[in-house]
Amino acid sequence: MSETSLYRKYRPKKLSQIVGQDHIKRYFQNAVAKNKVSHAYLLSGMKGIGKTSIARIISLIVNCENGPSVDYDLKSKICKSIIEGSCPDVHELDA
């Protein structure tokens, strides 16, 4: 039986669900609104501050079926595949 770890089970799936990191949330909301999403981002910091959660949310934002959007549908095919870890375009490396 494969159990989902707590940090994966309760990981935020929308920018609005991120606690703290207001500057990051504001940056991505503005980047999407102004159509200025970069091709790469480097997230760094101490363990447990949300780097992986934010990276996964970025992947949901940029892979949205209707172009980059912070209002993506979590029930869409691409979003489901990213969340489940079966999307061939999104790979999570746990270093």
C-alpha atoms as a PDB file:
ATOM      1  CA  MET A   1       0.000   0.000   0.000  1.00  0.00           C
ATOM      2  CA  SER A   2       1.422   3.361  -1.039  1.00  0.00           C
ATOM      3  CA  GLU A   3       0.627   6.176   1.350  1.00  0.00           C
ATOM      4  CA  THR A   4       1.036   9.813   0.429  1.00  0.00           C
ATOM      5  CA  SER A   5       3.354  11.680   2.778  1.00  0.00           C
ATOM      6  CA  LEU A   6       1.805  14.521   4.764  1.00  0.00           C
ATOM      7  CA  TYR A   7       3.841  17.232   3.064  1.00  0.00           C
ATOM      8  CA  ARG A   8       2.596  16.045  -0.323  1.00  0.00           C
ATOM      9  CA  LYS A   9      -0.972  15.496   0.829  1.00  0.00           C
ATOM     10  CA  TYR A  10      -1.331  19.003   2.251  1.00  0.00           C
ATOM     11  CA  ARG A  11       0.938  20.862  -0.200  1.00  0.00           C
ATOM     12  CA  PRO A  12      -0.721  24.067  -1.473  1.00  0.00           C
ATOM     13  CA  LYS A  13      -1.899  23.933  -5.070  1.00  0.00           C
ATOM     14  CA  LYS A  14      -2.710  27.617  -5.612  1.00  0.00           C
ATOM     15  CA  LEU A  15      -0.795  30.839  -4.905  1.00  0.00           C
ATOM     16  CA  SER A  16      -3.599  31.929  -2.592  1.00  0.00           C
ATOM     17  CA  GLN A  17      -2.919  28.883  -0.373  1.00  0.00           C
ATOM     18  CA  ILE A  18       0.745  29.784   0.223  1.00  0.00           C
ATOM     19  CA  VAL A  19       1.309  31.090   3.752  1.00  0.00           C
ATOM     20  CA  GLY A  20       3.876  33.871   3.889  1.00  0.00           C
ATOM     21  CA  GLN A  21       6.112  34.503   0.875  1.00  0.00           C
ATOM     22  CA  ASP A  22       3.867  37.438  -0.079  1.00  0.00           C
ATOM     23  CA  HIS A  23       6.568  38.929  -2.305  1.00  0.00           C
ATOM     24  CA  ILE A  24       6.714  35.715  -4.346  1.00  0.00           C
ATOM     25  CA  LYS A  25       2.936  35.530  -4.690  1.00  0.00           C
ATOM     26  CA  ARG A  26       2.757  39.183  -5.748  1.00  0.00           C
ATOM     27  CA  TYR A  27       5.610  38.701  -8.244  1.00  0.00           C
ATOM     28  CA  PHE A  28       3.883  35.824 -10.048  1.00  0.00           C
ATOM     29  CA  GLN A  29       0.482  37.493 -10.025  1.00  0.00           C
ATOM     30  CA  ASN A  30       2.048  40.574 -11.647  1.00  0.00           C
ATOM     31  CA  ALA A  31       4.179  38.541 -14.075  1.00  0.00           C
ATOM     32  CA  VAL A  32       1.132  36.676 -15.370  1.00  0.00           C
ATOM     33  CA  ALA A  33      -1.008  39.828 -15.519  1.00  0.00           C
ATOM     34  CA  LYS A  34       1.676  41.653 -17.548  1.00  0.00           C
ATOM     35  CA  ASN A  35       2.540  38.575 -19.661  1.00  0.00           C
ATOM     36  CA  LYS A  36       6.152  38.741 -18.418  1.00  0.00           C
ATOM     37  CA  VAL A  37       6.715  35.182 -17.169  1.00  0.00           C
ATOM     38  CA  SER A  38      10.408  34.291 -17.435  1.00  0.00           C
ATOM     39  CA  HIS A  39      11.742  31.075 -18.923  1.00  0.00           C
ATOM     40  CA  ALA A  40      13.559  30.092 -15.693  1.00  0.00           C
ATOM     41  CA  TYR A  41      13.451  30.785 -11.970  1.00  0.00           C
ATOM     42  CA  LEU A  42      15.952  29.961  -9.244  1.00  0.00           C
ATOM     43  CA  LEU A  43      14.426  29.293  -5.837  1.00  0.00           C
ATOM     44  CA  SER A  44      16.784  29.132  -2.892  1.00  0.00           C
ATOM     45  CA  GLY A  45      16.599  29.225   0.866  1.00  0.00           C
ATOM     46  CA  MET A  46      16.465  27.151   3.984  1.00  0.00           C
ATOM     47  CA  LYS A  47      14.681  23.832   4.283  1.00  0.00           C
ATOM     48  CA  GLY A  48      10.932  24.055   4.719  1.00  0.00           C
ATOM     49  CA  ILE A  49      10.208  27.529   3.356  1.00  0.00           C
ATOM     50  CA  GLY A  50       8.158  26.326   0.374  1.00  0.00           C
ATOM     51  CA  LYS A  51      10.595  26.201  -2.556  1.00  0.00           C
ATOM     52  CA  THR A  52       9.190  22.965  -3.953  1.00  0.00           C
ATOM     53  CA  SER A  53       5.581  23.998  -3.353  1.00  0.00           C
ATOM     54  CA  ILE A  54       6.141  27.283  -5.174  1.00  0.00           C
ATOM     55  CA  ALA A  55       7.975  25.491  -8.007  1.00  0.00           C
ATOM     56  CA  ARG A  56       5.048  23.122  -8.456  1.00  0.00           C
ATOM     57  CA  ILE A  57       2.610  26.044  -8.466  1.00  0.00           C
ATOM     58  CA  ILE A  58       4.766  27.789 -11.086  1.00  0.00           C
ATOM     59  CA  SER A  59       4.549  24.641 -13.221  1.00  0.00           C
ATOM     60  CA  LEU A  60       0.750  24.744 -12.907  1.00  0.00           C
ATOM     61  CA  ILE A  61       0.692  28.447 -13.829  1.00  0.00           C
ATOM     62  CA  VAL A  62       2.880  28.163 -16.946  1.00  0.00           C
ATOM     63  CA  ASN A  63       1.398  24.900 -18.219  1.00  0.00           C
ATOM     64  CA  CYS A  64      -2.187  26.122 -18.038  1.00  0.00           C
ATOM     65  CA  GLU A  65      -4.150  25.040 -21.111  1.00  0.00           C
ATOM     66  CA  ASN A  66      -5.149  28.637 -21.947  1.00  0.00           C
ATOM     67  CA  GLY A  67      -1.693  30.148 -21.427  1.00  0.00           C
ATOM     68  CA  PRO A  68      -0.104  31.282 -18.171  1.00  0.00           C
ATOM     69  CA  SER A  69      -2.778  31.959 -15.571  1.00  0.00           C
ATOM     70  CA  VAL A  70      -3.018  32.137 -11.782  1.00  0.00           C
ATOM     71  CA  ASP A  71      -6.664  31.017 -12.092  1.00  0.00           C
ATOM     72  CA  TYR A  72      -5.970  27.552 -13.474  1.00  0.00           C
ATOM     73  CA  ASP A  73      -8.457  24.710 -13.113  1.00  0.00           C
ATOM     74  CA  LEU A  74      -7.081  21.964 -10.854  1.00  0.00           C
ATOM     75  CA  LYS A  75      -9.465  19.508 -12.535  1.00  0.00           C
ATOM     76  CA  SER A  76      -7.995  20.037 -16.003  1.00  0.00           C
ATOM     77  CA  LYS A  77      -6.062  17.184 -17.574  1.00  0.00           C
ATOM     78  CA  ILE A  78      -2.667  18.925 -17.438  1.00  0.00           C
ATOM     79  CA  CYS A  79      -3.113  20.092 -13.841  1.00  0.00           C
ATOM     80  CA  LYS A  80      -4.139  16.614 -12.696  1.00  0.00           C
ATOM     81  CA  SER A  81      -1.096  15.078 -14.368  1.00  0.00           C
ATOM     82  CA  ILE A  82       1.258  17.622 -12.753  1.00  0.00           C
ATOM     83  CA  ILE A  83      -0.267  17.089  -9.312  1.00  0.00           C
ATOM     84  CA  GLU A  84      -0.165  13.292  -9.678  1.00  0.00           C
ATOM     85  CA  GLY A  85       3.429  13.422 -10.896  1.00  0.00           C
ATOM     86  CA  SER A  86       2.659  11.813 -14.249  1.00  0.00           C
ATOM     87  CA  CYS A  87       3.227  14.841 -16.495  1.00  0.00           C
ATOM     88  CA  PRO A  88       6.169  14.167 -18.821  1.00  0.00           C
ATOM     89  CA  ASP A  89       7.059  17.886 -18.904  1.00  0.00           C
ATOM     90  CA  VAL A  90       7.379  18.355 -15.117  1.00  0.00           C
ATOM     91  CA  HIS A  91       9.951  16.470 -13.062  1.00  0.00           C
ATOM     92  CA  GLU A  92      10.520  16.945  -9.356  1.00  0.00           C
ATOM     93  CA  LEU A  93      14.074  16.271  -8.275  1.00  0.00           C
ATOM     94  CA  ASP A  94      14.489  15.812  -4.551  1.00  0.00           C
ATOM     95  CA  ALA A  95      18.144  16.572  -3.994  1.00  0.00           C
END
